[in-house]
Amino acid sequence: MKALLFLLTLFLILLNPISAIDFIFNGFNDSSSNVSLFGIATIESKILTLTNQTSFATGRALYSKIIRTKDPVTSSVLPFSTSFIFTMAPYKNTLPGHGIVFLFAPSTGINGSSSAQHLGLFNLTNNGNPSNHIFGVEFDVFANQEFSDIDANHVGIDVNSLHSVYSNTSGYWSDDGVVFKPLKLNDGRNYQVWIDYRDFVVNVTMQVVGKIRPKIPLLSTSLNLSGVVEEEMFVGFTAATGRLVQSHKILAWSFSNSNFSLSDSLITTGLPSFVLPKDSILKAKWFVFVLVLICFLVVALVGLVLFAVVRKRLEKARKRALMEDWEMEYWPHRIPYEEIESGTKGFDEKNVIGIGGNGKVYKGLLQGGVVEVAVKRISQESSDGMREFVAEISSLGRLKHRNLVSLRDGISWKLARVLVWKLITSDDRAD
């Protein structure tokens, strides 16, 4: 009996190295035999590139050695922990799509898979077939109604189908679980993902690379993989493009079914960035529009100012042209003749308040009836009328005394000549 227990123990000890698997890639060597490439997948500059700018294409990369996924004695699914750094790099002036999947697959190659919305994982006929024996975690940037996708930026757990058993918008939870912060999968930034399976629970966590792993997983769900995975499986990544294209890249990767802290050895600094540079503000459409609008407004404003200046000068010149020589020398008038004529009601005789030696004096109202004035209309019968008119303006215009009423204006209009004073009433004289 003791011999039998010894042999059984020895057998388990010898078997354990076969069951345990640990590997880590801090960058990929293009001559490495540890990664098998399928479709359009390539390794360039130590970066595993699953897809490029090719439309409707699939790229897949698998760890070259098949790994044991079930305990040989109990047939229970072995726990595992994997972490990887990925980016979805968009191309300038190109709509990005579709997504990337971390997967366990029973075989190599890309047979039985389609590009575009099928993400290089399944095709139209085998999607949902239990015989697929595929477990995956998808990072999808297209909301496909065919698979009931929740949005165009989500993470989902897939079992034999692209109808995710559990999914959530891409992002992470604050440590207190109150605030959810979304992350845009295909903005070109590098993201780190942690996927753990233990005690029939799958946890998926993600964060911007270089930052501390969130305490609360993005996805956490009970899942028995016993009927999904086979005794041995291949593990790796698959991605696809359709009419929408983007480059799906893996920058680092660790996997273990015994050491859940192996991901701490991933190098998260000094990684290349794939974020598209922002267009110069000088090339931005809104900036060009605003600049054109400002230039138009400036030109319009300058035009209006010039128009106003020229118009003012023309008006001044026109008025000067209408003025007689005596006005330029003695008294450039300021009150329009029409206003005086209207204020005296056409020099109505009813408004006569006095008669002088060379004309009558009328009472008038100027400035809308506010100011009372006395208007003397020089008689045109005298041949010396203009000479007398100019002489009176010249002498009265120079008189300045507090006891004398100042001349307000003198106007010559066609054959009419008038002098305007402020009207003095009896009360004004008393003052």
Protein backbone atom coordinates (compact mmCIF):
# COMPACT_ATOMS: atom_id res chain seq x y z
CA MET A 1 0.00 0.00 0.00
CA LYS A 2 2.81 2.42 0.92
CA ALA A 3 4.60 1.55 -2.29
CA LEU A 4 1.46 2.39 -4.26
CA LEU A 5 1.10 5.79 -2.57
CA PHE A 6 4.77 6.50 -3.20
CA LEU A 7 4.42 5.68 -6.88
CA LEU A 8 1.29 7.84 -7.16
CA THR A 9 3.04 10.76 -5.46
CA LEU A 10 6.07 10.35 -7.68
CA PHE A 11 3.81 10.25 -10.73
CA LEU A 12 2.09 13.51 -9.72
CA ILE A 13 5.45 15.18 -9.06
CA LEU A 14 6.73 14.12 -12.46
CA LEU A 15 3.47 15.18 -14.08
CA ASN A 16 3.35 18.63 -12.46
CA PRO A 17 6.07 20.19 -14.67
CA ILE A 18 4.01 19.13 -17.66
CA SER A 19 0.93 20.88 -16.25
CA ALA A 20 2.68 24.08 -15.12
CA ILE A 21 3.35 26.73 -17.75
CA ASP A 22 4.91 30.16 -17.40
CA PHE A 23 6.13 32.49 -20.12
CA ILE A 24 6.68 36.21 -20.57
CA PHE A 25 7.39 38.37 -23.61
CA ASN A 26 8.68 41.87 -23.10
CA GLY A 27 8.70 42.48 -26.82
CA PHE A 28 8.77 39.79 -29.50
CA ASN A 29 11.71 38.47 -31.46
CA ASP A 30 10.91 38.03 -35.13
CA SER A 31 13.09 34.94 -35.22
CA SER A 32 11.48 33.40 -32.16
CA SER A 33 9.93 29.97 -32.48
CA ASN A 34 7.76 30.55 -29.41
CA VAL A 35 5.03 32.38 -31.33
CA SER A 36 3.23 31.00 -34.37
CA LEU A 37 1.76 33.53 -36.82
CA PHE A 38 -1.23 33.08 -39.12
CA GLY A 39 -3.02 35.26 -41.64
CA ILE A 40 -1.44 38.70 -41.98
CA ALA A 41 0.13 38.69 -38.50
CA THR A 42 3.77 39.82 -38.38
CA ILE A 43 6.48 40.74 -35.89
CA GLU A 44 8.25 44.00 -36.56
CA SER A 45 10.49 46.01 -34.23
CA LYS A 46 9.65 43.61 -31.39
CA ILE A 47 5.94 44.34 -31.78
CA LEU A 48 3.43 41.63 -32.60
CA THR A 49 1.21 43.20 -35.26
CA LEU A 50 -1.93 41.19 -35.94
CA THR A 51 -3.45 43.42 -38.63
CA ASN A 52 -2.40 46.31 -40.78
CA GLN A 53 -4.16 48.56 -43.27
CA THR A 54 -5.43 45.59 -45.29
CA SER A 55 -9.23 45.46 -45.47
CA PHE A 56 -11.21 42.31 -44.63
CA ALA A 57 -8.17 40.49 -43.25
CA THR A 58 -7.45 38.28 -40.23
CA GLY A 59 -4.29 37.95 -38.18
CA ARG A 60 -3.69 35.40 -35.42
CA ALA A 61 -0.74 34.68 -33.12
CA LEU A 62 -0.56 31.67 -30.77
CA TYR A 63 1.97 30.48 -28.28
CA SER A 64 3.68 27.75 -30.29
CA LYS A 65 3.43 25.07 -27.62
CA ILE A 66 0.14 23.53 -26.67
CA ILE A 67 -0.56 23.94 -22.97
CA ARG A 68 -2.43 21.74 -20.53
CA THR A 69 -5.66 23.37 -19.42
CA LYS A 70 -7.13 20.57 -17.28
CA ASP A 71 -5.81 18.68 -14.31
CA PRO A 72 -4.91 15.19 -15.59
CA VAL A 73 -6.23 13.59 -12.40
CA THR A 74 -9.38 15.57 -11.58
CA SER A 75 -10.11 16.96 -15.10
CA SER A 76 -10.89 20.30 -13.50
CA VAL A 77 -9.85 23.40 -15.43
CA LEU A 78 -6.51 24.69 -14.26
CA PRO A 79 -6.44 28.30 -13.04
CA PHE A 80 -4.54 30.77 -15.16
CA SER A 81 -3.46 34.38 -15.14
CA THR A 82 -2.48 36.33 -18.21
CA SER A 83 -1.63 39.94 -18.80
CA PHE A 84 -0.81 41.75 -22.00
CA ILE A 85 -0.25 45.25 -23.34
CA PHE A 86 -2.07 46.08 -26.53
CA THR A 87 -2.95 49.00 -28.73
CA MET A 88 -5.43 49.59 -31.49
CA ALA A 89 -3.61 52.05 -33.72
CA PRO A 90 -5.86 54.04 -36.06
CA TYR A 91 -4.72 55.28 -39.45
CA LYS A 92 -5.08 58.94 -40.37
CA ASN A 93 -8.20 59.81 -42.36
CA THR A 94 -9.45 56.21 -42.06
CA LEU A 95 -12.41 54.91 -40.08
CA PRO A 96 -11.09 52.37 -37.50
CA GLY A 97 -12.36 48.83 -36.78
CA HIS A 98 -12.99 46.01 -35.77
CA GLY A 99 -11.36 44.39 -32.71
CA ILE A 100 -9.02 41.97 -30.98
CA VAL A 101 -9.62 38.76 -28.95
CA PHE A 102 -7.53 36.92 -26.40
CA LEU A 103 -8.44 33.25 -26.85
CA PHE A 104 -8.02 29.61 -26.01
CA ALA A 105 -8.36 27.49 -29.17
CA PRO A 106 -8.14 23.71 -29.66
CA SER A 107 -6.11 24.03 -32.87
CA THR A 108 -3.84 26.37 -34.79
CA GLY A 109 -4.55 28.30 -37.96
CA ILE A 110 -7.45 30.53 -38.96
CA ASN A 111 -9.69 27.98 -40.67
CA GLY A 112 -13.31 28.42 -39.70
CA SER A 113 -12.93 32.14 -39.02
CA SER A 114 -14.00 35.26 -40.87
CA SER A 115 -12.83 38.86 -40.79
CA ALA A 116 -14.77 42.04 -40.04
CA GLN A 117 -17.44 41.62 -37.35
CA HIS A 118 -16.41 38.00 -36.70
CA LEU A 119 -13.04 39.29 -35.42
CA GLY A 120 -11.18 36.35 -36.96
CA LEU A 121 -12.71 34.11 -34.26
CA PHE A 122 -15.74 32.44 -35.88
CA ASN A 123 -17.70 32.61 -39.11
CA LEU A 124 -21.33 32.86 -40.11
CA THR A 125 -22.00 29.13 -39.81
CA ASN A 126 -20.07 28.03 -36.72
CA ASN A 127 -20.77 30.99 -34.45
CA GLY A 128 -22.50 29.63 -31.35
CA ASN A 129 -21.55 25.99 -32.02
CA PRO A 130 -20.60 24.19 -28.73
CA SER A 131 -18.09 22.08 -30.64
CA ASN A 132 -15.92 25.17 -31.17
CA HIS A 133 -14.36 24.74 -27.73
CA ILE A 134 -13.21 28.35 -27.74
CA PHE A 135 -13.01 30.72 -24.82
CA GLY A 136 -12.16 34.35 -25.52
CA VAL A 137 -12.19 37.90 -24.19
CA GLU A 138 -13.01 40.38 -26.95
CA PHE A 139 -12.10 44.05 -27.21
CA ASP A 140 -14.52 45.30 -29.83
CA VAL A 141 -14.96 48.76 -31.35
CA PHE A 142 -18.02 48.03 -33.46
CA ALA A 143 -21.60 47.72 -32.21
CA ASN A 144 -22.94 44.77 -34.14
CA GLN A 145 -26.65 44.12 -33.66
CA GLU A 146 -26.17 40.60 -34.98
CA PHE A 147 -24.28 39.77 -31.78
CA SER A 148 -26.25 42.10 -29.47
CA ASP A 149 -23.18 44.24 -28.80
CA ILE A 150 -23.85 46.82 -26.08
CA ASP A 151 -21.92 49.62 -27.78
CA ALA A 152 -19.02 50.41 -30.12
CA ASN A 153 -16.38 50.34 -27.37
CA HIS A 154 -16.79 47.27 -25.19
CA VAL A 155 -15.10 44.29 -23.59
CA GLY A 156 -16.90 40.94 -23.58
CA ILE A 157 -16.40 37.34 -22.44
CA ASP A 158 -17.11 34.90 -25.27
CA VAL A 159 -17.82 31.18 -25.01
CA ASN A 160 -18.09 29.47 -28.42
CA SER A 161 -19.91 32.53 -29.72
CA LEU A 162 -19.59 36.24 -30.34
CA HIS A 163 -22.74 36.71 -28.30
CA SER A 164 -20.83 37.64 -25.15
CA VAL A 165 -21.99 35.98 -21.93
CA TYR A 166 -20.98 39.14 -20.09
CA SER A 167 -19.80 42.50 -21.37
CA ASN A 168 -19.25 46.08 -20.33
CA THR A 169 -18.13 49.38 -21.81
CA SER A 170 -14.36 49.53 -21.93
CA GLY A 171 -12.86 51.29 -18.91
CA TYR A 172 -12.13 50.83 -15.23
CA TRP A 173 -13.67 51.46 -11.82
CA SER A 174 -12.29 53.72 -9.15
CA ASP A 175 -11.02 51.84 -6.10
CA ASP A 176 -14.18 52.70 -4.15
CA GLY A 177 -16.34 51.33 -6.96
CA VAL A 178 -18.32 54.56 -7.29
CA VAL A 179 -16.87 56.17 -10.41
CA PHE A 180 -16.54 54.42 -13.77
CA LYS A 181 -14.00 55.89 -16.17
CA PRO A 182 -14.37 54.78 -19.81
CA LEU A 183 -11.37 54.14 -22.02
CA LYS A 184 -11.53 54.48 -25.79
CA LEU A 185 -10.04 51.26 -27.14
CA ASN A 186 -8.89 52.53 -30.53
CA ASP A 187 -7.45 55.93 -29.66
CA GLY A 188 -3.90 54.67 -30.17
CA ARG A 189 -3.02 54.57 -26.48
CA ASN A 190 -1.40 51.51 -24.90
CA TYR A 191 -3.58 49.55 -22.47
CA GLN A 192 -2.73 46.75 -20.07
CA VAL A 193 -5.20 43.92 -19.50
CA TRP A 194 -5.30 41.33 -16.72
CA ILE A 195 -7.39 38.15 -17.15
CA ASP A 196 -7.59 35.70 -14.25
CA TYR A 197 -9.52 32.45 -13.93
CA ARG A 198 -9.73 30.70 -10.61
CA ASP A 199 -12.45 28.95 -8.60
CA PHE A 200 -14.89 29.15 -11.55
CA VAL A 201 -14.66 32.95 -11.69
CA VAL A 202 -13.32 35.02 -14.58
CA ASN A 203 -12.00 38.50 -13.81
CA VAL A 204 -11.04 40.98 -16.52
CA THR A 205 -9.34 44.26 -15.60
CA MET A 206 -7.82 46.98 -17.77
CA GLN A 207 -6.04 50.27 -17.33
CA VAL A 208 -3.83 52.68 -19.24
CA VAL A 209 -0.38 51.13 -19.31
CA GLY A 210 1.96 52.27 -16.55
CA LYS A 211 -0.83 52.96 -14.07
CA ILE A 212 -1.70 50.87 -11.03
CA ARG A 213 -4.00 47.93 -11.62
CA PRO A 214 -7.54 48.80 -10.47
CA LYS A 215 -8.75 46.89 -7.44
CA ILE A 216 -12.19 46.25 -8.92
CA PRO A 217 -12.34 44.22 -12.16
CA LEU A 218 -14.12 45.59 -15.20
CA LEU A 219 -15.75 42.18 -15.71
CA SER A 220 -16.25 39.54 -13.03
CA THR A 221 -18.54 36.59 -13.57
CA SER A 222 -18.95 32.96 -12.52
CA LEU A 223 -18.09 30.65 -15.37
CA ASN A 224 -17.42 26.92 -15.52
CA LEU A 225 -15.05 26.25 -18.41
CA SER A 226 -15.01 22.48 -17.93
CA GLY A 227 -17.27 21.88 -20.92
CA VAL A 228 -15.57 24.53 -23.01
CA VAL A 229 -11.83 23.88 -23.00
CA GLU A 230 -10.25 20.56 -23.89
CA GLU A 231 -7.41 18.81 -22.07
CA GLU A 232 -4.86 20.83 -24.01
CA MET A 233 -5.32 24.14 -25.80
CA PHE A 234 -3.45 26.81 -27.67
CA VAL A 235 -3.50 30.33 -26.30
CA GLY A 236 -2.98 33.64 -28.04
CA PHE A 237 -4.67 36.46 -29.93
CA THR A 238 -6.74 37.01 -33.03
CA ALA A 239 -7.87 40.21 -34.72
CA ALA A 240 -9.58 41.28 -37.91
CA THR A 241 -10.40 44.23 -40.13
CA GLY A 242 -13.31 44.82 -42.47
CA ARG A 243 -14.21 47.87 -44.46
CA LEU A 244 -13.04 49.61 -41.29
CA VAL A 245 -9.34 49.08 -40.59
CA GLN A 246 -6.86 49.64 -37.80
CA SER A 247 -3.64 48.02 -36.65
CA HIS A 248 -3.99 45.63 -33.69
CA LYS A 249 -0.70 45.28 -31.82
CA ILE A 250 0.57 43.30 -28.83
CA LEU A 251 3.57 44.91 -27.14
CA ALA A 252 4.08 42.54 -24.19
CA TRP A 253 2.49 39.34 -22.83
CA SER A 254 2.73 37.06 -19.82
CA PHE A 255 0.91 33.82 -19.04
CA SER A 256 0.99 31.44 -16.11
CA ASN A 257 -1.20 28.77 -14.53
CA SER A 258 0.78 28.78 -11.33
CA ASN A 259 2.17 32.27 -10.71
CA PHE A 260 -0.50 34.96 -10.64
CA SER A 261 2.07 37.70 -10.02
CA LEU A 262 4.08 37.00 -13.16
CA SER A 263 2.45 40.02 -14.84
CA ASP A 264 4.42 42.26 -12.48
CA SER A 265 7.48 41.49 -14.62
CA LEU A 266 6.01 43.11 -17.72
CA ILE A 267 7.87 46.24 -18.77
CA THR A 268 5.37 49.08 -18.98
CA THR A 269 7.68 52.05 -19.62
CA GLY A 270 9.48 53.26 -22.72
CA LEU A 271 6.85 51.77 -25.03
CA PRO A 272 6.12 53.40 -28.40
CA SER A 273 3.00 55.53 -28.74
CA PHE A 274 0.53 55.08 -31.57
CA VAL A 275 -1.68 58.07 -30.85
CA LEU A 276 -2.21 60.07 -34.01
CA PRO A 277 -0.69 63.55 -33.76
CA LYS A 278 -3.30 66.28 -33.63
CA ASP A 279 -3.61 68.51 -36.63
CA SER A 280 -2.00 71.91 -36.29
CA ILE A 281 -4.47 74.57 -35.25
CA LEU A 282 -3.64 76.28 -38.56
CA LYS A 283 -5.15 73.28 -40.36
CA ALA A 284 -8.25 72.94 -38.23
CA LYS A 285 -11.44 73.67 -40.17
CA TRP A 286 -12.93 75.74 -37.36
CA PHE A 287 -9.77 77.86 -37.15
CA VAL A 288 -9.80 78.53 -40.89
CA PHE A 289 -13.49 79.44 -40.71
CA VAL A 290 -12.96 81.80 -37.77
CA LEU A 291 -9.90 83.36 -39.44
CA VAL A 292 -11.83 83.98 -42.66
CA LEU A 293 -14.75 85.41 -40.69
CA ILE A 294 -12.46 87.76 -38.75
CA CYS A 295 -10.75 88.92 -41.95
CA PHE A 296 -14.14 89.54 -43.55
CA LEU A 297 -15.32 91.54 -40.53
CA VAL A 298 -12.10 93.60 -40.47
CA VAL A 299 -12.37 94.36 -44.19
CA ALA A 300 -16.06 95.21 -43.79
CA LEU A 301 -15.29 97.48 -40.82
CA VAL A 302 -12.48 99.25 -42.67
CA GLY A 303 -14.80 99.62 -45.65
CA LEU A 304 -17.53 101.15 -43.49
CA VAL A 305 -15.06 103.57 -41.88
CA LEU A 306 -13.69 104.63 -45.25
CA PHE A 307 -17.22 104.99 -46.59
CA ALA A 308 -18.19 107.18 -43.62
CA VAL A 309 -15.09 109.35 -43.98
CA VAL A 310 -15.52 109.79 -47.73
CA ARG A 311 -19.22 110.48 -47.32
CA LYS A 312 -18.52 113.08 -44.63
CA ARG A 313 -15.96 114.78 -46.84
CA LEU A 314 -18.31 114.75 -49.82
CA GLU A 315 -21.09 116.18 -47.68
CA LYS A 316 -18.78 118.88 -46.40
CA ALA A 317 -17.69 119.67 -49.92
CA ARG A 318 -21.29 119.77 -51.06
CA LYS A 319 -22.21 122.20 -48.30
CA ARG A 320 -19.21 124.36 -49.09
CA ALA A 321 -20.28 124.41 -52.72
CA LEU A 322 -23.69 125.72 -51.67
CA MET A 323 -22.22 128.46 -49.48
CA GLU A 324 -21.62 131.91 -50.82
CA ASP A 325 -18.32 133.76 -50.57
CA TRP A 326 -19.48 135.98 -47.71
CA GLU A 327 -20.42 132.93 -45.64
CA MET A 328 -16.95 131.48 -45.88
CA GLU A 329 -15.42 134.77 -44.75
CA TYR A 330 -17.86 136.03 -42.11
CA TRP A 331 -20.33 133.44 -40.92
CA PRO A 332 -20.47 129.76 -41.89
CA HIS A 333 -24.11 129.13 -41.05
CA ARG A 334 -25.26 126.21 -38.99
CA ILE A 335 -29.08 126.42 -39.06
CA PRO A 336 -30.73 125.07 -42.22
CA TYR A 337 -32.87 127.62 -44.00
CA GLU A 338 -35.69 125.07 -44.23
CA GLU A 339 -35.82 124.83 -40.43
CA ILE A 340 -36.11 128.65 -40.12
CA GLU A 341 -38.78 128.76 -42.77
CA SER A 342 -40.72 126.01 -41.01
CA GLY A 343 -40.24 127.62 -37.56
CA THR A 344 -41.82 130.88 -38.78
CA LYS A 345 -44.54 129.01 -40.66
CA GLY A 346 -43.30 130.28 -43.95
CA PHE A 347 -42.67 133.81 -42.60
CA ASP A 348 -46.36 134.12 -41.81
CA GLU A 349 -47.43 137.71 -41.21
CA LYS A 350 -49.13 136.57 -38.01
CA ASN A 351 -45.68 135.91 -36.57
CA VAL A 352 -44.34 139.42 -37.25
CA ILE A 353 -43.17 140.99 -33.99
CA GLY A 354 -41.37 144.03 -35.39
CA ILE A 355 -40.38 145.99 -38.47
CA GLY A 356 -36.89 147.42 -39.00
CA GLY A 357 -35.42 149.78 -41.52
CA ASN A 358 -34.50 147.01 -43.96
CA GLY A 359 -36.88 144.17 -43.09
CA LYS A 360 -39.39 142.52 -40.80
CA VAL A 361 -38.72 140.51 -37.61
CA TYR A 362 -40.62 137.24 -37.07
CA LYS A 363 -41.14 135.07 -34.04
CA GLY A 364 -40.03 131.48 -34.69
CA LEU A 365 -39.52 128.13 -33.02
CA LEU A 366 -36.44 125.99 -33.71
CA GLN A 367 -35.24 122.56 -32.61
CA GLY A 368 -38.68 121.01 -32.61
CA GLY A 369 -40.41 123.99 -30.99
CA VAL A 370 -38.08 124.14 -27.98
CA VAL A 371 -36.07 127.27 -28.72
CA GLU A 372 -37.80 130.63 -29.41
CA VAL A 373 -35.97 132.90 -31.79
CA ALA A 374 -36.38 136.24 -33.47
CA VAL A 375 -35.80 136.06 -37.20
CA LYS A 376 -35.10 139.21 -39.21
CA ARG A 377 -35.74 138.87 -42.91
CA ILE A 378 -33.71 141.40 -44.89
CA SER A 379 -35.71 143.20 -47.52
CA GLN A 380 -34.71 142.27 -51.08
CA GLU A 381 -36.06 145.50 -52.56
CA SER A 382 -32.88 147.43 -51.82
CA SER A 383 -30.11 147.16 -54.38
CA ASP A 384 -27.66 147.33 -51.51
CA GLY A 385 -29.39 144.43 -49.73
CA MET A 386 -26.49 141.99 -49.87
CA ARG A 387 -23.94 144.62 -48.88
CA GLU A 388 -26.06 145.70 -45.91
CA PHE A 389 -26.69 142.06 -44.96
CA VAL A 390 -23.01 141.17 -44.91
CA ALA A 391 -22.14 144.35 -43.04
CA GLU A 392 -24.71 143.62 -40.35
CA ILE A 393 -23.51 140.02 -39.93
CA SER A 394 -19.90 141.16 -39.75
CA SER A 395 -20.59 143.73 -37.01
CA LEU A 396 -23.15 141.77 -35.00
CA GLY A 397 -21.14 138.59 -35.14
CA ARG A 398 -18.19 140.26 -33.41
CA LEU A 399 -20.24 141.78 -30.59
CA LYS A 400 -19.80 139.93 -27.27
CA HIS A 401 -21.42 141.54 -24.20
CA ARG A 402 -23.53 140.19 -21.41
CA ASN A 403 -26.12 142.94 -21.93
CA LEU A 404 -26.35 142.31 -25.67
CA VAL A 405 -28.19 139.48 -27.37
CA SER A 406 -25.76 137.54 -29.49
CA LEU A 407 -26.48 136.77 -33.11
CA ARG A 408 -27.19 133.07 -33.54
CA ASP A 409 -26.95 132.81 -37.29
CA GLY A 410 -27.05 134.57 -40.58
CA ILE A 411 -28.31 132.80 -43.65
CA SER A 412 -28.51 133.59 -47.31
CA TRP A 413 -30.63 131.17 -49.30
CA LYS A 414 -31.27 131.93 -52.94
CA LEU A 415 -32.95 135.39 -52.75
CA ALA A 416 -33.74 135.23 -49.05
CA ARG A 417 -31.43 136.66 -46.33
CA VAL A 418 -32.20 136.21 -42.62
CA LEU A 419 -30.62 136.96 -39.25
CA VAL A 420 -31.46 134.85 -36.18
CA TRP A 421 -31.36 135.94 -32.53
CA LYS A 422 -32.60 134.36 -29.37
CA LEU A 423 -36.06 135.82 -28.64
CA ILE A 424 -35.99 138.05 -25.56
CA THR A 425 -39.25 138.25 -23.57
CA SER A 426 -40.22 140.80 -20.91
CA ASP A 427 -39.12 138.40 -18.21
CA ASP A 428 -35.75 138.00 -19.89
CA ARG A 429 -35.30 141.75 -20.04
CA ALA A 430 -36.03 142.01 -16.32
CA ASP A 431 -33.33 139.44 -15.66
